[in-house]
Amino acid sequence: MTPPVLPRSDSCSARHAGVLARRRWLGGCALGAALSMLGAAGAQPRTSLRLARVENIPDQLVGSAILELVYRRLDMAVDFVDMPAKRALVESSQGRVDGEVQRILDVGREYPSLLAVPPSINFIEPVAFVKRLNFRVEGWSSLAPYSIGIVRGVGSSERGTHGMPRVEAVTSMDQLMEILASDRIEVAVSDEFSGLLVIRRRHLDKAIRPLFPVLQHIPLYHFLHERHADLVPRAGKVLQDMAASGELERLREAFTAHMINTAGQ
């Protein structure tokens, strides 16, 4: 299958169309292979891990799907325990679960009992979503003149908009896009994937669009509790091989494409 050829354009709308078209193509090509790998069980894994997964964050599902493949190659199963972000860190750092699906690298400095498994498993890219505006995005500071919405507890958004005069924090991605659609704010900040997923699911993709370039690229790392220190290099080696072959990138593209393409159905 040949990927879609898109006209070159510097406009935000062309970039948005390119993102969605590429994801549709990748989803159709690669998702079946990824799912078949997950389904190719063979013998039952001998041991299992319980990993904390932050609830209501779409990108955590992508990390989960990747980790299922990683640990299957180590003859291990994984179970995911959905919980709020702060509670997840308490549970994982105290060893009541075996680790975290994915977090920013700084988590390891704040919670030394959690060990990062390099290389990064995933990433987020915060983006400015708008309804009426069209302005040149040049980093976080370019958002300052506008009224901004963020999701409470999302550290990248809180840090990026810190000190700006008109910032409203809400409790969920869905609420964030609703207040943008109703003109309560001018800019909504969300990671690109989660934002596109929510506006597609809520049928707001004709009214709301992302502006590019992204505000920041933030790598995410899988973490294990220190009692699993011997597992860190083994899981890391699987991830290194997947990254070197391009498999890790292809899987992420396939999973995100599938989730976005089926969101409005």
C-alpha atoms as a PDB file:
ATOM      1  CA  MET A   1       0.000   0.000   0.000  1.00  0.00           C
ATOM      2  CA  THR A   2       1.357   3.437  -0.929  1.00  0.00           C
ATOM      3  CA  PRO A   3       1.080   6.176   1.713  1.00  0.00           C
ATOM      4  CA  PRO A   4      -1.100   9.146   0.819  1.00  0.00           C
ATOM      5  CA  VAL A   5       0.673  11.935  -1.048  1.00  0.00           C
ATOM      6  CA  LEU A   6      -0.252  15.310   0.409  1.00  0.00           C
ATOM      7  CA  PRO A   7       0.308  18.731  -1.139  1.00  0.00           C
ATOM      8  CA  ARG A   8       3.094  20.725   0.445  1.00  0.00           C
ATOM      9  CA  SER A   9       1.812  23.646   2.447  1.00  0.00           C
ATOM     10  CA  ASP A  10       2.913  25.781   5.372  1.00  0.00           C
ATOM     11  CA  SER A  11      -0.658  26.226   6.583  1.00  0.00           C
ATOM     12  CA  CYS A  12      -1.886  24.720   9.850  1.00  0.00           C
ATOM     13  CA  SER A  13      -4.864  23.150   8.121  1.00  0.00           C
ATOM     14  CA  ALA A  14      -2.613  21.293   5.680  1.00  0.00           C
ATOM     15  CA  ARG A  15      -0.428  20.065   8.506  1.00  0.00           C
ATOM     16  CA  HIS A  16      -3.527  18.890  10.397  1.00  0.00           C
ATOM     17  CA  ALA A  17      -4.790  17.047   7.307  1.00  0.00           C
ATOM     18  CA  GLY A  18      -1.389  15.480   6.823  1.00  0.00           C
ATOM     19  CA  VAL A  19      -1.279  14.202  10.386  1.00  0.00           C
ATOM     20  CA  LEU A  20      -4.707  12.561  10.089  1.00  0.00           C
ATOM     21  CA  ALA A  21      -4.109  11.123   6.607  1.00  0.00           C
ATOM     22  CA  ARG A  22      -0.788   9.590   7.588  1.00  0.00           C
ATOM     23  CA  ARG A  23      -2.326   8.106  10.708  1.00  0.00           C
ATOM     24  CA  ARG A  24      -5.196   6.583   8.723  1.00  0.00           C
ATOM     25  CA  TRP A  25      -2.720   4.925   6.393  1.00  0.00           C
ATOM     26  CA  LEU A  26      -0.427   3.703   9.160  1.00  0.00           C
ATOM     27  CA  GLY A  27      -3.366   2.391  11.130  1.00  0.00           C
ATOM     28  CA  GLY A  28      -4.540   0.309   8.184  1.00  0.00           C
ATOM     29  CA  CYS A  29      -1.064  -1.049   7.411  1.00  0.00           C
ATOM     30  CA  ALA A  30       0.436  -1.725  10.803  1.00  0.00           C
ATOM     31  CA  LEU A  31      -2.263  -2.217  13.402  1.00  0.00           C
ATOM     32  CA  GLY A  32      -3.217  -5.690  12.233  1.00  0.00           C
ATOM     33  CA  ALA A  33       0.366  -6.859  12.543  1.00  0.00           C
ATOM     34  CA  ALA A  34       0.730  -5.325  15.988  1.00  0.00           C
ATOM     35  CA  LEU A  35      -2.487  -6.884  17.250  1.00  0.00           C
ATOM     36  CA  SER A  36      -1.544 -10.253  15.818  1.00  0.00           C
ATOM     37  CA  MET A  37       1.724 -10.098  17.765  1.00  0.00           C
ATOM     38  CA  LEU A  38      -0.238  -9.390  20.941  1.00  0.00           C
ATOM     39  CA  GLY A  39      -2.549 -12.279  20.172  1.00  0.00           C
ATOM     40  CA  ALA A  40       0.193 -14.766  19.362  1.00  0.00           C
ATOM     41  CA  ALA A  41       0.204 -16.140  22.859  1.00  0.00           C
ATOM     42  CA  GLY A  42       2.032 -19.457  22.540  1.00  0.00           C
ATOM     43  CA  ALA A  43       2.754 -20.795  26.013  1.00  0.00           C
ATOM     44  CA  GLN A  44       1.290 -18.884  28.928  1.00  0.00           C
ATOM     45  CA  PRO A  45       3.858 -16.457  30.426  1.00  0.00           C
ATOM     46  CA  ARG A  46       5.346 -17.777  33.672  1.00  0.00           C
ATOM     47  CA  THR A  47       5.307 -14.539  35.687  1.00  0.00           C
ATOM     48  CA  SER A  48       3.351 -11.307  35.613  1.00  0.00           C
ATOM     49  CA  LEU A  49       3.730  -7.669  36.620  1.00  0.00           C
ATOM     50  CA  ARG A  50       1.117  -5.210  37.867  1.00  0.00           C
ATOM     51  CA  LEU A  51       1.762  -1.723  36.486  1.00  0.00           C
ATOM     52  CA  ALA A  52       0.079   1.533  37.460  1.00  0.00           C
ATOM     53  CA  ARG A  53      -1.617   3.262  34.526  1.00  0.00           C
ATOM     54  CA  VAL A  54      -2.890   6.833  34.849  1.00  0.00           C
ATOM     55  CA  GLU A  55      -6.624   6.790  34.231  1.00  0.00           C
ATOM     56  CA  ASN A  56      -8.372   8.811  31.496  1.00  0.00           C
ATOM     57  CA  ILE A  57      -5.117   9.610  29.641  1.00  0.00           C
ATOM     58  CA  PRO A  58      -5.296   8.128  26.116  1.00  0.00           C
ATOM     59  CA  ASP A  59      -1.540   7.986  25.593  1.00  0.00           C
ATOM     60  CA  GLN A  60      -1.226   5.658  28.593  1.00  0.00           C
ATOM     61  CA  LEU A  61      -3.141   3.066  26.554  1.00  0.00           C
ATOM     62  CA  VAL A  62      -0.537   3.317  23.806  1.00  0.00           C
ATOM     63  CA  GLY A  63       2.263   2.738  26.317  1.00  0.00           C
ATOM     64  CA  SER A  64       0.347  -0.227  27.728  1.00  0.00           C
ATOM     65  CA  ALA A  65       0.027  -1.856  24.312  1.00  0.00           C
ATOM     66  CA  ILE A  66       3.757  -1.458  23.671  1.00  0.00           C
ATOM     67  CA  LEU A  67       4.650  -2.929  27.068  1.00  0.00           C
ATOM     68  CA  GLU A  68       2.502  -5.981  26.437  1.00  0.00           C
ATOM     69  CA  LEU A  69       4.746  -6.749  23.474  1.00  0.00           C
ATOM     70  CA  VAL A  70       7.940  -5.977  25.401  1.00  0.00           C
ATOM     71  CA  TYR A  71       7.126  -8.301  28.283  1.00  0.00           C
ATOM     72  CA  ARG A  72       5.723 -11.051  26.093  1.00  0.00           C
ATOM     73  CA  ARG A  73       9.212 -11.257  24.580  1.00  0.00           C
ATOM     74  CA  LEU A  74      10.520 -11.771  28.123  1.00  0.00           C
ATOM     75  CA  ASP A  75       7.930 -14.516  28.694  1.00  0.00           C
ATOM     76  CA  MET A  76       6.040 -12.294  31.148  1.00  0.00           C
ATOM     77  CA  ALA A  77       2.484 -11.000  31.346  1.00  0.00           C
ATOM     78  CA  VAL A  78       1.417  -7.539  32.496  1.00  0.00           C
ATOM     79  CA  ASP A  79      -1.739  -6.353  34.211  1.00  0.00           C
ATOM     80  CA  PHE A  80      -2.605  -2.666  34.327  1.00  0.00           C
ATOM     81  CA  VAL A  81      -4.148  -0.955  37.347  1.00  0.00           C
ATOM     82  CA  ASP A  82      -5.914   2.298  36.422  1.00  0.00           C
ATOM     83  CA  MET A  83      -5.744   5.039  39.047  1.00  0.00           C
ATOM     84  CA  PRO A  84      -5.327   8.829  39.407  1.00  0.00           C
ATOM     85  CA  ALA A  85      -1.877  10.206  38.605  1.00  0.00           C
ATOM     86  CA  LYS A  86      -0.748  11.087  42.130  1.00  0.00           C
ATOM     87  CA  ARG A  87      -2.087   7.918  43.703  1.00  0.00           C
ATOM     88  CA  ALA A  88      -0.309   5.883  41.030  1.00  0.00           C
ATOM     89  CA  LEU A  89       3.040   7.343  42.068  1.00  0.00           C
ATOM     90  CA  VAL A  90       2.367   6.579  45.724  1.00  0.00           C
ATOM     91  CA  GLU A  91       1.423   2.975  44.955  1.00  0.00           C
ATOM     92  CA  SER A  92       4.339   2.345  42.611  1.00  0.00           C
ATOM     93  CA  SER A  93       7.018   4.115  44.660  1.00  0.00           C
ATOM     94  CA  GLN A  94       5.993   2.179  47.770  1.00  0.00           C
ATOM     95  CA  GLY A  95       6.031  -1.093  45.875  1.00  0.00           C
ATOM     96  CA  ARG A  96       2.355  -1.966  46.096  1.00  0.00           C
ATOM     97  CA  VAL A  97       2.415  -2.250  42.314  1.00  0.00           C
ATOM     98  CA  ASP A  98       5.466  -3.179  40.261  1.00  0.00           C
ATOM     99  CA  GLY A  99       5.952   0.057  38.349  1.00  0.00           C
ATOM    100  CA  GLU A 100       4.492   2.694  36.052  1.00  0.00           C
ATOM    101  CA  VAL A 101       3.501   2.420  32.388  1.00  0.00           C
ATOM    102  CA  GLN A 102       5.175   5.704  31.444  1.00  0.00           C
ATOM    103  CA  ARG A 103       6.286   8.937  33.085  1.00  0.00           C
ATOM    104  CA  ILE A 104       8.668  11.808  32.441  1.00  0.00           C
ATOM    105  CA  LEU A 105      12.267  11.136  33.434  1.00  0.00           C
ATOM    106  CA  ASP A 106      12.167  13.602  36.360  1.00  0.00           C
ATOM    107  CA  VAL A 107       9.909  11.159  38.246  1.00  0.00           C
ATOM    108  CA  GLY A 108      12.988   9.093  39.039  1.00  0.00           C
ATOM    109  CA  ARG A 109      14.603  12.022  40.840  1.00  0.00           C
ATOM    110  CA  GLU A 110      11.507  12.717  42.922  1.00  0.00           C
ATOM    111  CA  TYR A 111      10.821   9.022  43.616  1.00  0.00           C
ATOM    112  CA  PRO A 112      14.222   7.276  43.830  1.00  0.00           C
ATOM    113  CA  SER A 113      12.605   3.864  44.416  1.00  0.00           C
ATOM    114  CA  LEU A 114      11.366   4.019  40.791  1.00  0.00           C
ATOM    115  CA  LEU A 115      13.924   3.079  38.145  1.00  0.00           C
ATOM    116  CA  ALA A 116      13.617   4.328  34.558  1.00  0.00           C
ATOM    117  CA  VAL A 117      13.946   1.744  31.783  1.00  0.00           C
ATOM    118  CA  PRO A 118      15.786   3.393  28.870  1.00  0.00           C
ATOM    119  CA  PRO A 119      15.251   4.169  26.036  1.00  0.00           C
ATOM    120  CA  SER A 120      12.044   6.202  26.125  1.00  0.00           C
ATOM    121  CA  ILE A 121       8.955   4.152  25.336  1.00  0.00           C
ATOM    122  CA  ASN A 122       6.730   6.977  24.126  1.00  0.00           C
ATOM    123  CA  PHE A 123       6.422  10.758  24.030  1.00  0.00           C
ATOM    124  CA  ILE A 124       3.939  13.574  24.309  1.00  0.00           C
ATOM    125  CA  GLU A 125       3.925  16.807  22.332  1.00  0.00           C
ATOM    126  CA  PRO A 126       1.831  19.610  23.832  1.00  0.00           C
ATOM    127  CA  VAL A 127      -0.050  21.597  21.192  1.00  0.00           C
ATOM    128  CA  ALA A 128      -2.223  24.722  21.178  1.00  0.00           C
ATOM    129  CA  PHE A 129      -5.772  23.860  20.050  1.00  0.00           C
ATOM    130  CA  VAL A 130      -7.930  26.762  18.841  1.00  0.00           C
ATOM    131  CA  LYS A 131     -11.374  27.504  17.499  1.00  0.00           C
ATOM    132  CA  ARG A 132     -11.225  31.075  16.145  1.00  0.00           C
ATOM    133  CA  LEU A 133      -7.597  32.169  16.487  1.00  0.00           C
ATOM    134  CA  ASN A 134      -4.744  31.768  14.051  1.00  0.00           C
ATOM    135  CA  PHE A 135      -1.360  32.934  15.284  1.00  0.00           C
ATOM    136  CA  ARG A 136       2.299  32.018  14.946  1.00  0.00           C
ATOM    137  CA  VAL A 137       3.297  29.486  17.605  1.00  0.00           C
ATOM    138  CA  GLU A 138       6.795  30.164  18.906  1.00  0.00           C
ATOM    139  CA  GLY A 139       7.032  28.212  22.109  1.00  0.00           C
ATOM    140  CA  TRP A 140       5.049  28.512  25.307  1.00  0.00           C
ATOM    141  CA  SER A 141       5.534  32.277  25.623  1.00  0.00           C
ATOM    142  CA  SER A 142       3.523  32.873  22.435  1.00  0.00           C
ATOM    143  CA  LEU A 143       0.381  31.704  24.285  1.00  0.00           C
ATOM    144  CA  ALA A 144       0.610  34.396  26.972  1.00  0.00           C
ATOM    145  CA  PRO A 145      -1.636  37.041  25.295  1.00  0.00           C
ATOM    146  CA  TYR A 146      -4.620  34.661  25.177  1.00  0.00           C
ATOM    147  CA  SER A 147      -7.006  33.008  27.611  1.00  0.00           C
ATOM    148  CA  ILE A 148      -5.764  29.460  28.068  1.00  0.00           C
ATOM    149  CA  GLY A 149      -7.251  26.191  29.292  1.00  0.00           C
ATOM    150  CA  ILE A 150      -5.253  23.271  30.662  1.00  0.00           C
ATOM    151  CA  VAL A 151      -6.023  20.000  32.417  1.00  0.00           C
ATOM    152  CA  ARG A 152      -5.268  20.144  36.134  1.00  0.00           C
ATOM    153  CA  GLY A 153      -2.398  17.880  37.145  1.00  0.00           C
ATOM    154  CA  VAL A 154      -0.780  17.693  33.689  1.00  0.00           C
ATOM    155  CA  GLY A 155       2.692  18.826  34.652  1.00  0.00           C
ATOM    156  CA  SER A 156       3.887  19.929  31.211  1.00  0.00           C
ATOM    157  CA  SER A 157       0.887  22.242  30.761  1.00  0.00           C
ATOM    158  CA  GLU A 158       1.150  23.619  34.291  1.00  0.00           C
ATOM    159  CA  ARG A 159       4.868  24.338  33.911  1.00  0.00           C
ATOM    160  CA  GLY A 160       4.546  25.738  30.390  1.00  0.00           C
ATOM    161  CA  THR A 161       1.797  28.221  31.312  1.00  0.00           C
ATOM    162  CA  HIS A 162       3.113  29.107  34.779  1.00  0.00           C
ATOM    163  CA  GLY A 163       2.832  32.834  35.469  1.00  0.00           C
ATOM    164  CA  MET A 164       0.563  33.558  32.512  1.00  0.00           C
ATOM    165  CA  PRO A 165      -2.309  35.888  33.434  1.00  0.00           C
ATOM    166  CA  ARG A 166      -5.372  33.990  32.156  1.00  0.00           C
ATOM    167  CA  VAL A 167      -5.135  30.248  32.720  1.00  0.00           C
ATOM    168  CA  GLU A 168      -8.136  28.087  33.624  1.00  0.00           C
ATOM    169  CA  ALA A 169      -7.559  24.534  34.866  1.00  0.00           C
ATOM    170  CA  VAL A 170     -10.239  21.871  34.347  1.00  0.00           C
ATOM    171  CA  THR A 171     -10.494  18.255  35.400  1.00  0.00           C
ATOM    172  CA  SER A 172     -10.536  16.386  32.078  1.00  0.00           C
ATOM    173  CA  MET A 173      -9.617  16.543  28.389  1.00  0.00           C
ATOM    174  CA  ASP A 174     -13.289  16.381  27.464  1.00  0.00           C
ATOM    175  CA  GLN A 175     -14.114  19.386  29.618  1.00  0.00           C
ATOM    176  CA  LEU A 176     -11.128  21.268  28.181  1.00  0.00           C
ATOM    177  CA  MET A 177     -12.334  20.886  24.594  1.00  0.00           C
ATOM    178  CA  GLU A 178     -15.915  21.722  25.565  1.00  0.00           C
ATOM    179  CA  ILE A 179     -14.951  25.077  27.091  1.00  0.00           C
ATOM    180  CA  LEU A 180     -12.912  25.855  23.969  1.00  0.00           C
ATOM    181  CA  ALA A 181     -15.861  24.964  21.743  1.00  0.00           C
ATOM    182  CA  SER A 182     -18.134  27.217  23.833  1.00  0.00           C
ATOM    183  CA  ASP A 183     -15.663  30.162  23.589  1.00  0.00           C
ATOM    184  CA  ARG A 184     -14.899  30.305  27.317  1.00  0.00           C
ATOM    185  CA  ILE A 185     -11.208  30.190  26.414  1.00  0.00           C
ATOM    186  CA  GLU A 186      -9.224  31.013  23.282  1.00  0.00           C
ATOM    187  CA  VAL A 187      -6.531  28.296  23.484  1.00  0.00           C
ATOM    188  CA  ALA A 188      -6.651  24.770  24.895  1.00  0.00           C
ATOM    189  CA  VAL A 189      -3.335  23.066  25.631  1.00  0.00           C
ATOM    190  CA  SER A 190      -3.236  19.290  25.247  1.00  0.00           C
ATOM    191  CA  ASP A 191      -0.803  16.743  23.937  1.00  0.00           C
ATOM    192  CA  GLU A 192      -1.449  16.385  20.227  1.00  0.00           C
ATOM    193  CA  PHE A 193      -2.621  12.766  20.246  1.00  0.00           C
ATOM    194  CA  SER A 194      -5.029  13.074  23.187  1.00  0.00           C
ATOM    195  CA  GLY A 195      -6.446  16.330  21.848  1.00  0.00           C
ATOM    196  CA  LEU A 196      -7.087  14.906  18.386  1.00  0.00           C
ATOM    197  CA  LEU A 197      -8.676  11.823  19.936  1.00  0.00           C
ATOM    198  CA  VAL A 198     -11.055  13.841  22.122  1.00  0.00           C
ATOM    199  CA  ILE A 199     -12.203  16.256  19.420  1.00  0.00           C
ATOM    200  CA  ARG A 200     -12.804  13.344  17.034  1.00  0.00           C
ATOM    201  CA  ARG A 201     -14.754  11.396  19.673  1.00  0.00           C
ATOM    202  CA  ARG A 202     -16.869  14.430  20.583  1.00  0.00           C
ATOM    203  CA  HIS A 203     -17.364  15.373  16.902  1.00  0.00           C
ATOM    204  CA  LEU A 204     -15.632  18.731  17.388  1.00  0.00           C
ATOM    205  CA  ASP A 205     -12.991  18.204  14.711  1.00  0.00           C
ATOM    206  CA  LYS A 206     -14.764  20.562  12.290  1.00  0.00           C
ATOM    207  CA  ALA A 207     -14.716  23.384  14.857  1.00  0.00           C
ATOM    208  CA  ILE A 208     -11.407  22.887  16.680  1.00  0.00           C
ATOM    209  CA  ARG A 209      -7.948  22.461  15.193  1.00  0.00           C
ATOM    210  CA  PRO A 210      -4.330  22.272  16.422  1.00  0.00           C
ATOM    211  CA  LEU A 211      -1.736  24.923  15.628  1.00  0.00           C
ATOM    212  CA  PHE A 212       1.819  23.898  14.775  1.00  0.00           C
ATOM    213  CA  PRO A 213       4.656  23.569  15.514  1.00  0.00           C
ATOM    214  CA  VAL A 214       4.223  21.665  18.760  1.00  0.00           C
ATOM    215  CA  LEU A 215       5.143  23.499  21.950  1.00  0.00           C
ATOM    216  CA  GLN A 216       7.545  20.853  23.223  1.00  0.00           C
ATOM    217  CA  HIS A 217       8.685  17.256  22.692  1.00  0.00           C
ATOM    218  CA  ILE A 218       8.680  15.305  25.977  1.00  0.00           C
ATOM    219  CA  PRO A 219      10.043  11.731  26.103  1.00  0.00           C
ATOM    220  CA  LEU A 220       8.242   9.265  28.392  1.00  0.00           C
ATOM    221  CA  TYR A 221       9.923   6.354  30.153  1.00  0.00           C
ATOM    222  CA  HIS A 222       8.667   3.090  31.604  1.00  0.00           C
ATOM    223  CA  PHE A 223       9.490   2.747  35.328  1.00  0.00           C
ATOM    224  CA  LEU A 224       9.922  -0.304  37.548  1.00  0.00           C
ATOM    225  CA  HIS A 225      10.100  -0.482  41.334  1.00  0.00           C
ATOM    226  CA  GLU A 226      13.628  -1.003  42.645  1.00  0.00           C
ATOM    227  CA  ARG A 227      12.898  -4.593  43.699  1.00  0.00           C
ATOM    228  CA  HIS A 228      12.824  -5.341  39.949  1.00  0.00           C
ATOM    229  CA  ALA A 229      16.257  -3.796  39.317  1.00  0.00           C
ATOM    230  CA  ASP A 230      17.416  -6.993  37.606  1.00  0.00           C
ATOM    231  CA  LEU A 231      14.598  -6.642  35.074  1.00  0.00           C
ATOM    232  CA  VAL A 232      15.551  -3.089  34.008  1.00  0.00           C
ATOM    233  CA  PRO A 233      18.415  -4.064  31.643  1.00  0.00           C
ATOM    234  CA  ARG A 234      16.413  -6.968  30.197  1.00  0.00           C
ATOM    235  CA  ALA A 235      13.370  -4.835  29.378  1.00  0.00           C
ATOM    236  CA  GLY A 236      15.678  -2.053  28.230  1.00  0.00           C
ATOM    237  CA  LYS A 237      17.412  -4.358  25.759  1.00  0.00           C
ATOM    238  CA  VAL A 238      14.055  -5.303  24.186  1.00  0.00           C
ATOM    239  CA  LEU A 239      13.132  -1.624  23.896  1.00  0.00           C
ATOM    240  CA  GLN A 240      16.550  -0.760  22.424  1.00  0.00           C
ATOM    241  CA  ASP A 241      16.140  -3.422  19.742  1.00  0.00           C
ATOM    242  CA  MET A 242      12.606  -2.230  18.950  1.00  0.00           C
ATOM    243  CA  ALA A 243      13.782   1.384  18.714  1.00  0.00           C
ATOM    244  CA  ALA A 244      16.786   0.529  16.532  1.00  0.00           C
ATOM    245  CA  SER A 245      14.662  -1.429  14.052  1.00  0.00           C
ATOM    246  CA  GLY A 246      12.013   1.289  13.847  1.00  0.00           C
ATOM    247  CA  GLU A 247       9.414  -1.057  15.322  1.00  0.00           C
ATOM    248  CA  LEU A 248       8.747   1.138  18.348  1.00  0.00           C
ATOM    249  CA  GLU A 249       7.890   4.153  16.196  1.00  0.00           C
ATOM    250  CA  ARG A 250       5.741   2.074  13.837  1.00  0.00           C
ATOM    251  CA  LEU A 251       3.777   0.570  16.722  1.00  0.00           C
ATOM    252  CA  ARG A 252       3.100   3.943  18.303  1.00  0.00           C
ATOM    253  CA  GLU A 253       1.930   5.342  14.981  1.00  0.00           C
ATOM    254  CA  ALA A 254      -0.306   2.321  14.411  1.00  0.00           C
ATOM    255  CA  PHE A 255      -1.927   2.371  17.846  1.00  0.00           C
ATOM    256  CA  THR A 256      -2.538   6.138  17.842  1.00  0.00           C
ATOM    257  CA  ALA A 257      -3.907   6.009  14.293  1.00  0.00           C
ATOM    258  CA  HIS A 258      -6.319   3.227  15.153  1.00  0.00           C
ATOM    259  CA  MET A 259      -7.574   5.024  18.285  1.00  0.00           C
ATOM    260  CA  ILE A 260      -8.119   8.332  16.462  1.00  0.00           C
ATOM    261  CA  ASN A 261      -9.738   6.737  13.403  1.00  0.00           C
ATOM    262  CA  THR A 262     -12.248   4.785  15.488  1.00  0.00           C
ATOM    263  CA  ALA A 263     -12.919   7.527  18.068  1.00  0.00           C
ATOM    264  CA  GLY A 264     -15.950   9.026  16.354  1.00  0.00           C
ATOM    265  CA  GLN A 265     -17.602   5.723  15.498  1.00  0.00           C
END
